[in-house]
Protein backbone atom coordinates (compact mmCIF):
# COMPACT_ATOMS: atom_id res chain seq x y z
CA MET A 1 54.42 -140.78 -133.72
CA PHE A 2 51.21 -142.68 -132.51
CA PRO A 3 47.94 -141.14 -133.13
CA SER A 4 46.29 -139.19 -130.42
CA VAL A 5 43.64 -140.98 -128.32
CA VAL A 6 41.47 -137.74 -128.10
CA GLY A 7 38.43 -138.44 -130.23
CA ASN A 8 40.06 -141.63 -131.72
CA PRO A 9 37.32 -144.10 -132.83
CA MET A 10 39.20 -147.03 -131.36
CA VAL A 11 38.87 -145.31 -127.88
CA THR A 12 35.31 -143.99 -128.22
CA GLN A 13 33.68 -147.06 -129.86
CA ALA A 14 31.13 -148.94 -127.72
CA ASN A 15 33.16 -152.18 -127.99
CA PRO A 16 36.49 -152.01 -126.39
CA ASP A 17 38.06 -155.21 -128.11
CA SER A 18 40.33 -153.38 -130.45
CA LEU A 19 41.60 -151.13 -127.77
CA VAL A 20 42.18 -153.88 -125.28
CA ALA A 21 44.11 -155.83 -127.98
CA VAL A 22 46.51 -152.96 -128.67
CA ILE A 23 47.12 -152.55 -124.86
CA LEU A 24 47.63 -156.24 -124.48
CA ASP A 25 49.44 -157.11 -127.69
CA GLY A 26 51.19 -153.89 -128.47
CA ALA A 27 51.39 -152.22 -131.87
CA ARG A 28 53.92 -151.50 -134.61
CA LEU A 29 54.27 -148.75 -137.20
CA PRO A 30 56.31 -149.62 -140.20
CA SER A 31 59.24 -147.54 -141.33
CA THR A 32 58.66 -145.03 -144.14
CA ALA A 33 60.90 -142.62 -146.22
CA SER A 34 60.07 -139.74 -143.87
CA ALA A 35 60.28 -141.83 -140.57
CA PRO A 36 62.90 -144.43 -141.41
CA MET A 37 62.93 -146.14 -137.88
CA PRO A 38 59.97 -148.42 -137.19
CA LEU A 39 58.15 -147.53 -133.94
CA ALA A 40 56.67 -149.92 -131.45
CA LEU A 41 54.29 -149.91 -128.58
CA PRO A 42 55.41 -152.91 -126.48
CA PRO A 43 52.78 -155.36 -125.18
CA PHE A 44 51.65 -155.10 -121.65
CA GLY A 45 52.87 -157.87 -119.44
């Protein structure tokens, strides 16, 4: 569903801004033909 964090550039980069934004703001994956239900990571807090 969501990409693995192992070796993920968002996790390993020196600047953590993108990772912190995903944790705080959440994330959404759009629906596709092979995965018709959209997925969401809810925001923290």
